[in-house]
């Protein structure tokens, strides 16, 4: 059985925090504390990226089944390509997707859009 939720986030500085609170309200009792903390960190990164680089409405979707937590963040921007080069140490910004890549079980971008997702396998 899949438990799924969706929310539209405002184009405001507090949206990453709102996404974290929603994720905790929706799945806090179903995920372990470490996994919930990781999920909140990653969703915060994706929503922050949408605010900094995207435009329009931000949609936050998440679902949980027996195997994994799946999260999507979508805005109405023109899209982007996943950067290939690694950032230099000491540089500011640009670390969000690398953090998602290192902590998520899987992640991706839907074909040149601003629809970014990640999955965390349940432990």
PDB file of N, CA and C in Angstrom:
ATOM      1  N   UNK A   1       0.839  -1.187   0.000  1.00  0.00           N
ATOM      2  CA  UNK A   1       0.000   0.000   0.000  1.00  0.00           C
ATOM      3  C   UNK A   1       0.881   1.246   0.000  1.00  0.00           C
ATOM      4  N   UNK A   2       0.567   2.186  -0.856  1.00  0.00           N
ATOM      5  CA  UNK A   2       1.329   3.426  -0.957  1.00  0.00           C
ATOM      6  C   UNK A   2       0.555   4.548  -0.283  1.00  0.00           C
ATOM      7  N   UNK A   3       1.246   5.258   0.578  1.00  0.00           N
ATOM      8  CA  UNK A   3       0.692   6.470   1.181  1.00  0.00           C
ATOM      9  C   UNK A   3       1.315   7.635   0.427  1.00  0.00           C
ATOM     10  N   UNK A   4       0.497   8.492  -0.184  1.00  0.00           N
ATOM     11  CA  UNK A   4       1.014   9.585  -1.007  1.00  0.00           C
ATOM     12  C   UNK A   4       0.405  10.917  -0.590  1.00  0.00           C
ATOM     13  N   UNK A   5       1.209  11.966  -0.738  1.00  0.00           N
ATOM     14  CA  UNK A   5       0.780  13.319  -0.387  1.00  0.00           C
ATOM     15  C   UNK A   5       1.333  14.310  -1.399  1.00  0.00           C
ATOM     16  N   UNK A   6       0.664  15.461  -1.494  1.00  0.00           N
ATOM     17  CA  UNK A   6       1.117  16.531  -2.373  1.00  0.00           C
ATOM     18  C   UNK A   6       0.770  17.868  -1.738  1.00  0.00           C
ATOM     19  N   UNK A   7       1.661  18.841  -1.908  1.00  0.00           N
ATOM     20  CA  UNK A   7       1.415  20.201  -1.424  1.00  0.00           C
ATOM     21  C   UNK A   7       2.034  21.190  -2.403  1.00  0.00           C
ATOM     22  N   UNK A   8       1.393  22.325  -2.549  1.00  0.00           N
ATOM     23  CA  UNK A   8       1.956  23.428  -3.318  1.00  0.00           C
ATOM     24  C   UNK A   8       2.597  24.377  -2.309  1.00  0.00           C
ATOM     25  N   UNK A   9       3.865  24.673  -2.532  1.00  0.00           N
ATOM     26  CA  UNK A   9       4.619  25.531  -1.621  1.00  0.00           C
ATOM     27  C   UNK A   9       4.681  26.942  -2.180  1.00  0.00           C
ATOM     28  N   UNK A  10       4.626  27.911  -1.299  1.00  0.00           N
ATOM     29  CA  UNK A  10       4.724  29.300  -1.726  1.00  0.00           C
ATOM     30  C   UNK A  10       6.133  29.645  -2.173  1.00  0.00           C
ATOM     31  N   UNK A  11       6.242  30.671  -2.981  1.00  0.00           N
ATOM     32  CA  UNK A  11       7.534  31.152  -3.449  1.00  0.00           C
ATOM     33  C   UNK A  11       8.086  32.083  -2.379  1.00  0.00           C
ATOM     34  N   UNK A  12       8.522  31.483  -1.277  1.00  0.00           N
ATOM     35  CA  UNK A  12       8.989  32.266  -0.133  1.00  0.00           C
ATOM     36  C   UNK A  12      10.113  31.555   0.588  1.00  0.00           C
ATOM     37  N   UNK A  13      10.860  32.312   1.330  1.00  0.00           N
ATOM     38  CA  UNK A  13      12.040  31.817   2.022  1.00  0.00           C
ATOM     39  C   UNK A  13      11.714  30.656   2.966  1.00  0.00           C
ATOM     40  N   UNK A  14      10.543  30.608   3.536  1.00  0.00           N
ATOM     41  CA  UNK A  14      10.180  29.567   4.485  1.00  0.00           C
ATOM     42  C   UNK A  14       9.735  28.253   3.861  1.00  0.00           C
ATOM     43  N   UNK A  15       9.697  28.154   2.546  1.00  0.00           N
ATOM     44  CA  UNK A  15       9.202  26.940   1.895  1.00  0.00           C
ATOM     45  C   UNK A  15      10.029  25.686   2.185  1.00  0.00           C
ATOM     46  N   UNK A  16      11.363  25.752   2.246  1.00  0.00           N
ATOM     47  CA  UNK A  16      12.103  24.544   2.611  1.00  0.00           C
ATOM     48  C   UNK A  16      11.717  24.033   4.008  1.00  0.00           C
ATOM     49  N   UNK A  17      11.550  24.938   4.952  1.00  0.00           N
ATOM     50  CA  UNK A  17      11.122  24.541   6.291  1.00  0.00           C
ATOM     51  C   UNK A  17       9.722  23.957   6.295  1.00  0.00           C
ATOM     52  N   UNK A  18       8.839  24.532   5.500  1.00  0.00           N
ATOM     53  CA  UNK A  18       7.478  23.986   5.409  1.00  0.00           C
ATOM     54  C   UNK A  18       7.510  22.577   4.832  1.00  0.00           C
ATOM     55  N   UNK A  19       8.341  22.350   3.820  1.00  0.00           N
ATOM     56  CA  UNK A  19       8.457  21.010   3.226  1.00  0.00           C
ATOM     57  C   UNK A  19       8.970  20.007   4.258  1.00  0.00           C
ATOM     58  N   UNK A  20       9.940  20.399   5.066  1.00  0.00           N
ATOM     59  CA  UNK A  20      10.454  19.511   6.119  1.00  0.00           C
ATOM     60  C   UNK A  20       9.355  19.164   7.120  1.00  0.00           C
ATOM     61  N   UNK A  21       8.585  20.162   7.533  1.00  0.00           N
ATOM     62  CA  UNK A  21       7.501  19.919   8.499  1.00  0.00           C
ATOM     63  C   UNK A  21       6.421  19.027   7.913  1.00  0.00           C
ATOM     64  N   UNK A  22       6.082  19.229   6.641  1.00  0.00           N
ATOM     65  CA  UNK A  22       5.088  18.375   5.992  1.00  0.00           C
ATOM     66  C   UNK A  22       5.582  16.937   5.921  1.00  0.00           C
ATOM     67  N   UNK A  23       6.824  16.750   5.527  1.00  0.00           N
ATOM     68  CA  UNK A  23       7.392  15.404   5.431  1.00  0.00           C
ATOM     69  C   UNK A  23       7.341  14.708   6.789  1.00  0.00           C
ATOM     70  N   UNK A  24       7.686  15.424   7.833  1.00  0.00           N
ATOM     71  CA  UNK A  24       7.633  14.841   9.175  1.00  0.00           C
ATOM     72  C   UNK A  24       6.202  14.513   9.590  1.00  0.00           C
ATOM     73  N   UNK A  25       5.264  15.401   9.291  1.00  0.00           N
ATOM     74  CA  UNK A  25       3.857  15.137   9.638  1.00  0.00           C
ATOM     75  C   UNK A  25       3.315  13.936   8.870  1.00  0.00           C
ATOM     76  N   UNK A  26       3.685  13.831   7.603  1.00  0.00           N
ATOM     77  CA  UNK A  26       3.173  12.752   6.766  1.00  0.00           C
ATOM     78  C   UNK A  26       3.791  11.401   7.108  1.00  0.00           C
ATOM     79  N   UNK A  27       5.113  11.366   7.380  1.00  0.00           N
ATOM     80  CA  UNK A  27       5.806  10.083   7.487  1.00  0.00           C
ATOM     81  C   UNK A  27       6.650   9.913   8.743  1.00  0.00           C
ATOM     82  N   UNK A  28       6.609  10.870   9.654  1.00  0.00           N
ATOM     83  CA  UNK A  28       7.448  10.818  10.844  1.00  0.00           C
ATOM     84  C   UNK A  28       7.259   9.574  11.684  1.00  0.00           C
ATOM     85  N   UNK A  29       6.047   9.075  11.734  1.00  0.00           N
ATOM     86  CA  UNK A  29       5.801   7.877  12.555  1.00  0.00           C
ATOM     87  C   UNK A  29       6.140   6.587  11.810  1.00  0.00           C
ATOM     88  N   UNK A  30       6.426   6.678  10.520  1.00  0.00           N
ATOM     89  CA  UNK A  30       6.698   5.480   9.720  1.00  0.00           C
ATOM     90  C   UNK A  30       8.179   5.292   9.394  1.00  0.00           C
ATOM     91  N   UNK A  31       8.964   6.341   9.537  1.00  0.00           N
ATOM     92  CA  UNK A  31      10.390   6.271   9.231  1.00  0.00           C
ATOM     93  C   UNK A  31      11.200   6.354  10.516  1.00  0.00           C
ATOM     94  N   UNK A  32      12.358   5.742  10.508  1.00  0.00           N
ATOM     95  CA  UNK A  32      13.268   5.881  11.636  1.00  0.00           C
ATOM     96  C   UNK A  32      13.818   7.291  11.688  1.00  0.00           C
ATOM     97  N   UNK A  33      14.303   7.720  12.855  1.00  0.00           N
ATOM     98  CA  UNK A  33      14.771   9.099  12.998  1.00  0.00           C
ATOM     99  C   UNK A  33      15.907   9.479  12.042  1.00  0.00           C
ATOM    100  N   UNK A  34      16.849   8.583  11.812  1.00  0.00           N
ATOM    101  CA  UNK A  34      17.957   8.888  10.908  1.00  0.00           C
ATOM    102  C   UNK A  34      17.461   9.034   9.484  1.00  0.00           C
ATOM    103  N   UNK A  35      16.599   8.130   9.055  1.00  0.00           N
ATOM    104  CA  UNK A  35      16.077   8.205   7.694  1.00  0.00           C
ATOM    105  C   UNK A  35      15.202   9.446   7.514  1.00  0.00           C
ATOM    106  N   UNK A  36      14.409   9.784   8.519  1.00  0.00           N
ATOM    107  CA  UNK A  36      13.588  10.989   8.441  1.00  0.00           C
ATOM    108  C   UNK A  36      14.481  12.228   8.348  1.00  0.00           C
ATOM    109  N   UNK A  37      15.537  12.278   9.138  1.00  0.00           N
ATOM    110  CA  UNK A  37      16.457  13.423   9.081  1.00  0.00           C
ATOM    111  C   UNK A  37      17.099  13.548   7.696  1.00  0.00           C
ATOM    112  N   UNK A  38      17.507  12.421   7.117  1.00  0.00           N
ATOM    113  CA  UNK A  38      18.090  12.445   5.777  1.00  0.00           C
ATOM    114  C   UNK A  38      17.072  12.942   4.756  1.00  0.00           C
ATOM    115  N   UNK A  39      15.853  12.437   4.840  1.00  0.00           N
ATOM    116  CA  UNK A  39      14.798  12.847   3.905  1.00  0.00           C
ATOM    117  C   UNK A  39      14.507  14.340   4.033  1.00  0.00           C
ATOM    118  N   UNK A  40      14.470  14.853   5.261  1.00  0.00           N
ATOM    119  CA  UNK A  40      14.210  16.276   5.464  1.00  0.00           C
ATOM    120  C   UNK A  40      15.347  17.135   4.902  1.00  0.00           C
ATOM    121  N   UNK A  41      16.574  16.685   5.076  1.00  0.00           N
ATOM    122  CA  UNK A  41      17.719  17.403   4.520  1.00  0.00           C
ATOM    123  C   UNK A  41      17.637  17.457   2.990  1.00  0.00           C
ATOM    124  N   UNK A  42      17.327  16.319   2.376  1.00  0.00           N
ATOM    125  CA  UNK A  42      17.304  16.261   0.915  1.00  0.00           C
ATOM    126  C   UNK A  42      16.144  17.056   0.330  1.00  0.00           C
ATOM    127  N   UNK A  43      14.971  16.976   0.952  1.00  0.00           N
ATOM    128  CA  UNK A  43      13.845  17.750   0.424  1.00  0.00           C
ATOM    129  C   UNK A  43      14.117  19.246   0.593  1.00  0.00           C
ATOM    130  N   UNK A  44      14.771  19.607   1.659  1.00  0.00           N
ATOM    131  CA  UNK A  44      15.134  21.006   1.862  1.00  0.00           C
ATOM    132  C   UNK A  44      16.072  21.486   0.754  1.00  0.00           C
ATOM    133  N   UNK A  45      17.029  20.658   0.369  1.00  0.00           N
ATOM    134  CA  UNK A  45      17.943  21.012  -0.717  1.00  0.00           C
ATOM    135  C   UNK A  45      17.195  21.209  -2.028  1.00  0.00           C
ATOM    136  N   UNK A  46      16.275  20.292  -2.346  1.00  0.00           N
ATOM    137  CA  UNK A  46      15.554  20.396  -3.617  1.00  0.00           C
ATOM    138  C   UNK A  46      14.633  21.605  -3.657  1.00  0.00           C
ATOM    139  N   UNK A  47      13.948  21.893  -2.550  1.00  0.00           N
ATOM    140  CA  UNK A  47      13.068  23.066  -2.520  1.00  0.00           C
ATOM    141  C   UNK A  47      13.896  24.348  -2.586  1.00  0.00           C
ATOM    142  N   UNK A  48      15.017  24.374  -1.905  1.00  0.00           N
ATOM    143  CA  UNK A  48      15.903  25.540  -1.975  1.00  0.00           C
ATOM    144  C   UNK A  48      16.391  25.753  -3.404  1.00  0.00           C
ATOM    145  N   UNK A  49      16.767  24.674  -4.086  1.00  0.00           N
ATOM    146  CA  UNK A  49      17.185  24.794  -5.497  1.00  0.00           C
ATOM    147  C   UNK A  49      16.064  25.368  -6.356  1.00  0.00           C
ATOM    148  N   UNK A  50      14.834  24.920  -6.109  1.00  0.00           N
ATOM    149  CA  UNK A  50      13.696  25.449  -6.869  1.00  0.00           C
ATOM    150  C   UNK A  50      13.545  26.951  -6.632  1.00  0.00           C
ATOM    151  N   UNK A  51      13.723  27.387  -5.401  1.00  0.00           N
ATOM    152  CA  UNK A  51      13.610  28.814  -5.082  1.00  0.00           C
ATOM    153  C   UNK A  51      14.725  29.631  -5.725  1.00  0.00           C
ATOM    154  N   UNK A  52      15.926  29.104  -5.698  1.00  0.00           N
ATOM    155  CA  UNK A  52      17.082  29.848  -6.190  1.00  0.00           C
ATOM    156  C   UNK A  52      17.151  29.847  -7.718  1.00  0.00           C
ATOM    157  N   UNK A  53      16.851  28.706  -8.334  1.00  0.00           N
ATOM    158  CA  UNK A  53      17.087  28.557  -9.768  1.00  0.00           C
ATOM    159  C   UNK A  53      15.815  28.447 -10.608  1.00  0.00           C
ATOM    160  N   UNK A  54      14.684  28.161  -9.980  1.00  0.00           N
ATOM    161  CA  UNK A  54      13.465  27.914 -10.738  1.00  0.00           C
ATOM    162  C   UNK A  54      12.561  29.123 -10.800  1.00  0.00           C
ATOM    163  N   UNK A  55      11.316  28.845 -11.131  1.00  0.00           N
ATOM    164  CA  UNK A  55      10.301  29.904 -11.170  1.00  0.00           C
ATOM    165  C   UNK A  55       8.927  29.263 -11.088  1.00  0.00           C
ATOM    166  N   UNK A  56       7.947  30.089 -10.815  1.00  0.00           N
ATOM    167  CA  UNK A  56       6.561  29.617 -10.773  1.00  0.00           C
ATOM    168  C   UNK A  56       6.251  28.811  -9.528  1.00  0.00           C
ATOM    169  N   UNK A  57       5.195  28.062  -9.645  1.00  0.00           N
ATOM    170  CA  UNK A  57       4.689  27.256  -8.536  1.00  0.00           C
ATOM    171  C   UNK A  57       5.643  26.098  -8.215  1.00  0.00           C
ATOM    172  N   UNK A  58       5.808  25.800  -6.925  1.00  0.00           N
ATOM    173  CA  UNK A  58       6.621  24.662  -6.489  1.00  0.00           C
ATOM    174  C   UNK A  58       5.672  23.592  -5.960  1.00  0.00           C
ATOM    175  N   UNK A  59       5.729  22.421  -6.562  1.00  0.00           N
ATOM    176  CA  UNK A  59       4.917  21.301  -6.117  1.00  0.00           C
ATOM    177  C   UNK A  59       5.823  20.291  -5.430  1.00  0.00           C
ATOM    178  N   UNK A  60       5.413  19.860  -4.248  1.00  0.00           N
ATOM    179  CA  UNK A  60       6.150  18.888  -3.440  1.00  0.00           C
ATOM    180  C   UNK A  60       5.272  17.656  -3.299  1.00  0.00           C
ATOM    181  N   UNK A  61       5.754  16.530  -3.802  1.00  0.00           N
ATOM    182  CA  UNK A  61       5.028  15.264  -3.706  1.00  0.00           C
ATOM    183  C   UNK A  61       5.888  14.240  -2.992  1.00  0.00           C
ATOM    184  N   UNK A  62       5.240  13.370  -2.253  1.00  0.00           N
ATOM    185  CA  UNK A  62       5.983  12.287  -1.618  1.00  0.00           C
ATOM    186  C   UNK A  62       5.079  11.083  -1.427  1.00  0.00           C
ATOM    187  N   UNK A  63       5.712   9.925  -1.446  1.00  0.00           N
ATOM    188  CA  UNK A  63       4.990   8.684  -1.255  1.00  0.00           C
ATOM    189  C   UNK A  63       5.845   7.700  -0.489  1.00  0.00           C
ATOM    190  N   UNK A  64       5.191   6.843   0.248  1.00  0.00           N
ATOM    191  CA  UNK A  64       5.889   5.856   1.066  1.00  0.00           C
ATOM    192  C   UNK A  64       5.206   4.510   0.883  1.00  0.00           C
ATOM    193  N   UNK A  65       6.018   3.486   0.589  1.00  0.00           N
ATOM    194  CA  UNK A  65       5.489   2.132   0.561  1.00  0.00           C
ATOM    195  C   UNK A  65       6.397   1.251   1.425  1.00  0.00           C
ATOM    196  N   UNK A  66       6.248  -0.037   1.325  1.00  0.00           N
ATOM    197  CA  UNK A  66       7.036  -0.941   2.166  1.00  0.00           C
ATOM    198  C   UNK A  66       8.531  -0.886   1.860  1.00  0.00           C
ATOM    199  N   UNK A  67       8.885  -0.464   0.643  1.00  0.00           N
ATOM    200  CA  UNK A  67      10.279  -0.511   0.218  1.00  0.00           C
ATOM    201  C   UNK A  67      11.026   0.812   0.272  1.00  0.00           C
ATOM    202  N   UNK A  68      10.314   1.926   0.023  1.00  0.00           N
ATOM    203  CA  UNK A  68      11.038   3.192  -0.081  1.00  0.00           C
ATOM    204  C   UNK A  68      10.146   4.411   0.131  1.00  0.00           C
ATOM    205  N   UNK A  69      10.836   5.517   0.417  1.00  0.00           N
ATOM    206  CA  UNK A  69      10.234   6.848   0.410  1.00  0.00           C
ATOM    207  C   UNK A  69      10.621   7.473  -0.922  1.00  0.00           C
ATOM    208  N   UNK A  70       9.650   8.051  -1.615  1.00  0.00           N
ATOM    209  CA  UNK A  70       9.891   8.688  -2.909  1.00  0.00           C
ATOM    210  C   UNK A  70       9.439  10.138  -2.807  1.00  0.00           C
ATOM    211  N   UNK A  71      10.306  11.069  -3.193  1.00  0.00           N
ATOM    212  CA  UNK A  71      10.023  12.501  -3.083  1.00  0.00           C
ATOM    213  C   UNK A  71      10.281  13.173  -4.425  1.00  0.00           C
ATOM    214  N   UNK A  72       9.385  14.091  -4.802  1.00  0.00           N
ATOM    215  CA  UNK A  72       9.534  14.874  -6.023  1.00  0.00           C
ATOM    216  C   UNK A  72       9.341  16.351  -5.689  1.00  0.00           C
ATOM    217  N   UNK A  73      10.140  17.201  -6.312  1.00  0.00           N
ATOM    218  CA  UNK A  73       9.981  18.653  -6.227  1.00  0.00           C
ATOM    219  C   UNK A  73       9.972  19.173  -7.656  1.00  0.00           C
ATOM    220  N   UNK A  74       8.920  19.917  -7.990  1.00  0.00           N
ATOM    221  CA  UNK A  74       8.710  20.367  -9.361  1.00  0.00           C
ATOM    222  C   UNK A  74       8.422  21.866  -9.340  1.00  0.00           C
ATOM    223  N   UNK A  75       9.116  22.619 -10.188  1.00  0.00           N
ATOM    224  CA  UNK A  75       8.731  24.016 -10.372  1.00  0.00           C
ATOM    225  C   UNK A  75       8.464  24.239 -11.851  1.00  0.00           C
ATOM    226  N   UNK A  76       8.134  25.461 -12.219  1.00  0.00           N
ATOM    227  CA  UNK A  76       7.722  25.755 -13.589  1.00  0.00           C
ATOM    228  C   UNK A  76       8.817  26.421 -14.413  1.00  0.00           C
ATOM    229  N   UNK A  77      10.068  26.232 -13.997  1.00  0.00           N
ATOM    230  CA  UNK A  77      11.187  26.811 -14.730  1.00  0.00           C
ATOM    231  C   UNK A  77      11.453  26.094 -16.039  1.00  0.00           C
ATOM    232  N   UNK A  78      12.469  26.570 -16.747  1.00  0.00           N
ATOM    233  CA  UNK A  78      12.797  26.052 -18.079  1.00  0.00           C
ATOM    234  C   UNK A  78      13.521  24.724 -18.040  1.00  0.00           C
ATOM    235  N   UNK A  79      14.029  24.330 -16.908  1.00  0.00           N
ATOM    236  CA  UNK A  79      14.745  23.065 -16.811  1.00  0.00           C
ATOM    237  C   UNK A  79      16.241  23.269 -16.788  1.00  0.00           C
ATOM    238  N   UNK A  80      16.948  22.162 -16.603  1.00  0.00           N
ATOM    239  CA  UNK A  80      18.399  22.211 -16.527  1.00  0.00           C
ATOM    240  C   UNK A  80      18.958  20.846 -16.838  1.00  0.00           C
ATOM    241  N   UNK A  81      20.237  20.850 -17.096  1.00  0.00           N
ATOM    242  CA  UNK A  81      20.971  19.603 -17.284  1.00  0.00           C
ATOM    243  C   UNK A  81      21.751  19.345 -16.002  1.00  0.00           C
ATOM    244  N   UNK A  82      21.869  18.099 -15.624  1.00  0.00           N
ATOM    245  CA  UNK A  82      22.619  17.748 -14.423  1.00  0.00           C
ATOM    246  C   UNK A  82      24.094  18.044 -14.683  1.00  0.00           C
ATOM    247  N   UNK A  83      24.733  18.841 -13.813  1.00  0.00           N
ATOM    248  CA  UNK A  83      26.141  19.179 -14.033  1.00  0.00           C
ATOM    249  C   UNK A  83      27.027  17.944 -13.933  1.00  0.00           C
ATOM    250  N   UNK A  84      28.004  17.858 -14.828  1.00  0.00           N
ATOM    251  CA  UNK A  84      28.904  16.713 -14.853  1.00  0.00           C
ATOM    252  C   UNK A  84      30.121  16.966 -13.974  1.00  0.00           C
ATOM    253  N   UNK A  85      30.653  18.166 -14.023  1.00  0.00           N
ATOM    254  CA  UNK A  85      31.874  18.482 -13.283  1.00  0.00           C
ATOM    255  C   UNK A  85      31.593  18.613 -11.798  1.00  0.00           C
ATOM    256  N   UNK A  86      32.566  18.233 -11.015  1.00  0.00           N
ATOM    257  CA  UNK A  86      32.473  18.391  -9.567  1.00  0.00           C
ATOM    258  C   UNK A  86      32.854  19.820  -9.193  1.00  0.00           C
ATOM    259  N   UNK A  87      32.240  20.316  -8.139  1.00  0.00           N
ATOM    260  CA  UNK A  87      32.569  21.657  -7.646  1.00  0.00           C
ATOM    261  C   UNK A  87      33.925  21.615  -6.939  1.00  0.00           C
ATOM    262  N   UNK A  88      34.608  22.732  -6.960  1.00  0.00           N
ATOM    263  CA  UNK A  88      35.874  22.838  -6.252  1.00  0.00           C
ATOM    264  C   UNK A  88      35.611  23.064  -4.777  1.00  0.00           C
ATOM    265  N   UNK A  89      36.476  22.500  -3.945  1.00  0.00           N
ATOM    266  CA  UNK A  89      36.391  22.767  -2.518  1.00  0.00           C
ATOM    267  C   UNK A  89      36.584  24.258  -2.288  1.00  0.00           C
ATOM    268  N   UNK A  90      35.833  24.794  -1.373  1.00  0.00           N
ATOM    269  CA  UNK A  90      35.939  26.212  -1.076  1.00  0.00           C
ATOM    270  C   UNK A  90      34.992  27.067  -1.887  1.00  0.00           C
ATOM    271  N   UNK A  91      34.420  26.522  -2.952  1.00  0.00           N
ATOM    272  CA  UNK A  91      33.448  27.267  -3.739  1.00  0.00           C
ATOM    273  C   UNK A  91      32.131  27.340  -2.990  1.00  0.00           C
ATOM    274  N   UNK A  92      31.380  28.387  -3.230  1.00  0.00           N
ATOM    275  CA  UNK A  92      30.088  28.499  -2.556  1.00  0.00           C
ATOM    276  C   UNK A  92      28.985  28.090  -3.505  1.00  0.00           C
ATOM    277  N   UNK A  93      28.007  27.387  -2.985  1.00  0.00           N
ATOM    278  CA  UNK A  93      26.864  26.960  -3.776  1.00  0.00           C
ATOM    279  C   UNK A  93      27.195  25.767  -4.653  1.00  0.00           C
ATOM    280  N   UNK A  94      26.126  25.175  -5.195  1.00  0.00           N
ATOM    281  CA  UNK A  94      26.300  24.076  -6.120  1.00  0.00           C
ATOM    282  C   UNK A  94      26.460  22.712  -5.487  1.00  0.00           C
ATOM    283  N   UNK A  95      26.354  22.623  -4.173  1.00  0.00           N
ATOM    284  CA  UNK A  95      26.578  21.353  -3.490  1.00  0.00           C
ATOM    285  C   UNK A  95      25.287  20.574  -3.257  1.00  0.00           C
ATOM    286  N   UNK A  96      24.134  21.189  -3.455  1.00  0.00           N
ATOM    287  CA  UNK A  96      22.865  20.553  -3.130  1.00  0.00           C
ATOM    288  C   UNK A  96      22.619  19.239  -3.848  1.00  0.00           C
ATOM    289  N   UNK A  97      22.785  19.221  -5.168  1.00  0.00           N
ATOM    290  CA  UNK A  97      22.543  17.990  -5.915  1.00  0.00           C
ATOM    291  C   UNK A  97      23.608  16.940  -5.625  1.00  0.00           C
ATOM    292  N   UNK A  98      24.828  17.367  -5.320  1.00  0.00           N
ATOM    293  CA  UNK A  98      25.855  16.400  -4.928  1.00  0.00           C
ATOM    294  C   UNK A  98      25.499  15.753  -3.594  1.00  0.00           C
ATOM    295  N   UNK A  99      24.925  16.536  -2.692  1.00  0.00           N
ATOM    296  CA  UNK A  99      24.465  15.989  -1.422  1.00  0.00           C
ATOM    297  C   UNK A  99      23.334  14.988  -1.655  1.00  0.00           C
ATOM    298  N   UNK A 100      22.392  15.341  -2.507  1.00  0.00           N
ATOM    299  CA  UNK A 100      21.295  14.425  -2.841  1.00  0.00           C
ATOM    300  C   UNK A 100      21.865  13.141  -3.433  1.00  0.00           C
ATOM    301  N   UNK A 101      22.810  13.267  -4.364  1.00  0.00           N
ATOM    302  CA  UNK A 101      23.406  12.092  -4.998  1.00  0.00           C
ATOM    303  C   UNK A 101      24.117  11.197  -3.987  1.00  0.00           C
ATOM    304  N   UNK A 102      24.756  11.793  -3.003  1.00  0.00           N
ATOM    305  CA  UNK A 102      25.518  10.987  -2.048  1.00  0.00           C
ATOM    306  C   UNK A 102      24.640  10.336  -0.985  1.00  0.00           C
ATOM    307  N   UNK A 103      23.494  10.919  -0.664  1.00  0.00           N
ATOM    308  CA  UNK A 103      22.672  10.406   0.438  1.00  0.00           C
ATOM    309  C   UNK A 103      21.457   9.592  -0.006  1.00  0.00           C
ATOM    310  N   UNK A 104      20.944   9.850  -1.203  1.00  0.00           N
ATOM    311  CA  UNK A 104      19.747   9.148  -1.670  1.00  0.00           C
ATOM    312  C   UNK A 104      20.118   7.771  -2.214  1.00  0.00           C
ATOM    313  N   UNK A 105      19.158   6.860  -2.169  1.00  0.00           N
ATOM    314  CA  UNK A 105      19.355   5.544  -2.791  1.00  0.00           C
ATOM    315  C   UNK A 105      19.412   5.697  -4.301  1.00  0.00           C
ATOM    316  N   UNK A 106      18.536   6.550  -4.820  1.00  0.00           N
ATOM    317  CA  UNK A 106      18.478   6.895  -6.246  1.00  0.00           C
ATOM    318  C   UNK A 106      17.982   8.327  -6.345  1.00  0.00           C
ATOM    319  N   UNK A 107      18.285   8.995  -7.460  1.00  0.00           N
ATOM    320  CA  UNK A 107      17.753  10.331  -7.694  1.00  0.00           C
ATOM    321  C   UNK A 107      17.833  10.618  -9.178  1.00  0.00           C
ATOM    322  N   UNK A 108      17.138  11.658  -9.605  1.00  0.00           N
ATOM    323  CA  UNK A 108      17.212  12.011 -11.006  1.00  0.00           C
ATOM    324  C   UNK A 108      16.422  13.262 -11.330  1.00  0.00           C
ATOM    325  N   UNK A 109      16.502  13.621 -12.598  1.00  0.00           N
ATOM    326  CA  UNK A 109      15.789  14.769 -13.150  1.00  0.00           C
ATOM    327  C   UNK A 109      14.978  14.247 -14.315  1.00  0.00           C
ATOM    328  N   UNK A 110      13.737  14.634 -14.390  1.00  0.00           N
ATOM    329  CA  UNK A 110      12.892  14.199 -15.493  1.00  0.00           C
ATOM    330  C   UNK A 110      13.226  15.051 -16.708  1.00  0.00           C
ATOM    331  N   UNK A 111      13.916  14.433 -17.686  1.00  0.00           N
ATOM    332  CA  UNK A 111      14.267  14.962 -18.992  1.00  0.00           C
ATOM    333  C   UNK A 111      14.359  16.447 -19.215  1.00  0.00           C
ATOM    334  N   UNK A 112      15.372  17.133 -18.656  1.00  0.00           N
ATOM    335  CA  UNK A 112      15.591  18.540 -18.950  1.00  0.00           C
ATOM    336  C   UNK A 112      14.553  19.471 -18.346  1.00  0.00           C
ATOM    337  N   UNK A 113      13.794  18.987 -17.375  1.00  0.00           N
ATOM    338  CA  UNK A 113      12.790  19.820 -16.718  1.00  0.00           C
ATOM    339  C   UNK A 113      13.296  20.240 -15.345  1.00  0.00           C
ATOM    340  N   UNK A 114      12.431  20.856 -14.589  1.00  0.00           N
ATOM    341  CA  UNK A 114      12.749  21.183 -13.196  1.00  0.00           C
ATOM    342  C   UNK A 114      11.955  20.261 -12.282  1.00  0.00           C
ATOM    343  N   UNK A 115      11.865  19.018 -12.668  1.00  0.00           N
ATOM    344  CA  UNK A 115      11.191  17.959 -11.919  1.00  0.00           C
ATOM    345  C   UNK A 115      12.293  17.036 -11.405  1.00  0.00           C
ATOM    346  N   UNK A 116      12.664  17.219 -10.143  1.00  0.00           N
ATOM    347  CA  UNK A 116      13.765  16.479  -9.533  1.00  0.00           C
ATOM    348  C   UNK A 116      13.182  15.557  -8.474  1.00  0.00           C
ATOM    349  N   UNK A 117      13.735  14.355  -8.380  1.00  0.00           N
ATOM    350  CA  UNK A 117      13.208  13.371  -7.436  1.00  0.00           C
ATOM    351  C   UNK A 117      14.346  12.625  -6.753  1.00  0.00           C
ATOM    352  N   UNK A 118      13.998  12.021  -5.607  1.00  0.00           N
ATOM    353  CA  UNK A 118      14.920  11.094  -4.969  1.00  0.00           C
ATOM    354  C   UNK A 118      14.133  10.008  -4.263  1.00  0.00           C
ATOM    355  N   UNK A 119      14.809   8.899  -4.033  1.00  0.00           N
ATOM    356  CA  UNK A 119      14.221   7.777  -3.307  1.00  0.00           C
ATOM    357  C   UNK A 119      15.189   7.370  -2.202  1.00  0.00           C
ATOM    358  N   UNK A 120      14.617   6.994  -1.068  1.00  0.00           N
ATOM    359  CA  UNK A 120      15.396   6.435   0.039  1.00  0.00           C
ATOM    360  C   UNK A 120      14.821   5.058   0.343  1.00  0.00           C
ATOM    361  N   UNK A 121      15.675   4.040   0.240  1.00  0.00           N
ATOM    362  CA  UNK A 121      15.216   2.705   0.597  1.00  0.00           C
ATOM    363  C   UNK A 121      14.957   2.663   2.089  1.00  0.00           C
ATOM    364  N   UNK A 122      13.893   1.971   2.467  1.00  0.00           N
ATOM    365  CA  UNK A 122      13.558   1.854   3.887  1.00  0.00           C
ATOM    366  C   UNK A 122      14.445   0.818   4.529  1.00  0.00           C
ATOM    367  N   UNK A 123      14.881   1.131   5.719  1.00  0.00           N
ATOM    368  CA  UNK A 123      15.771   0.218   6.450  1.00  0.00           C
ATOM    369  C   UNK A 123      14.994  -0.524   7.510  1.00  0.00           C
TER     370      UNK A 123
END
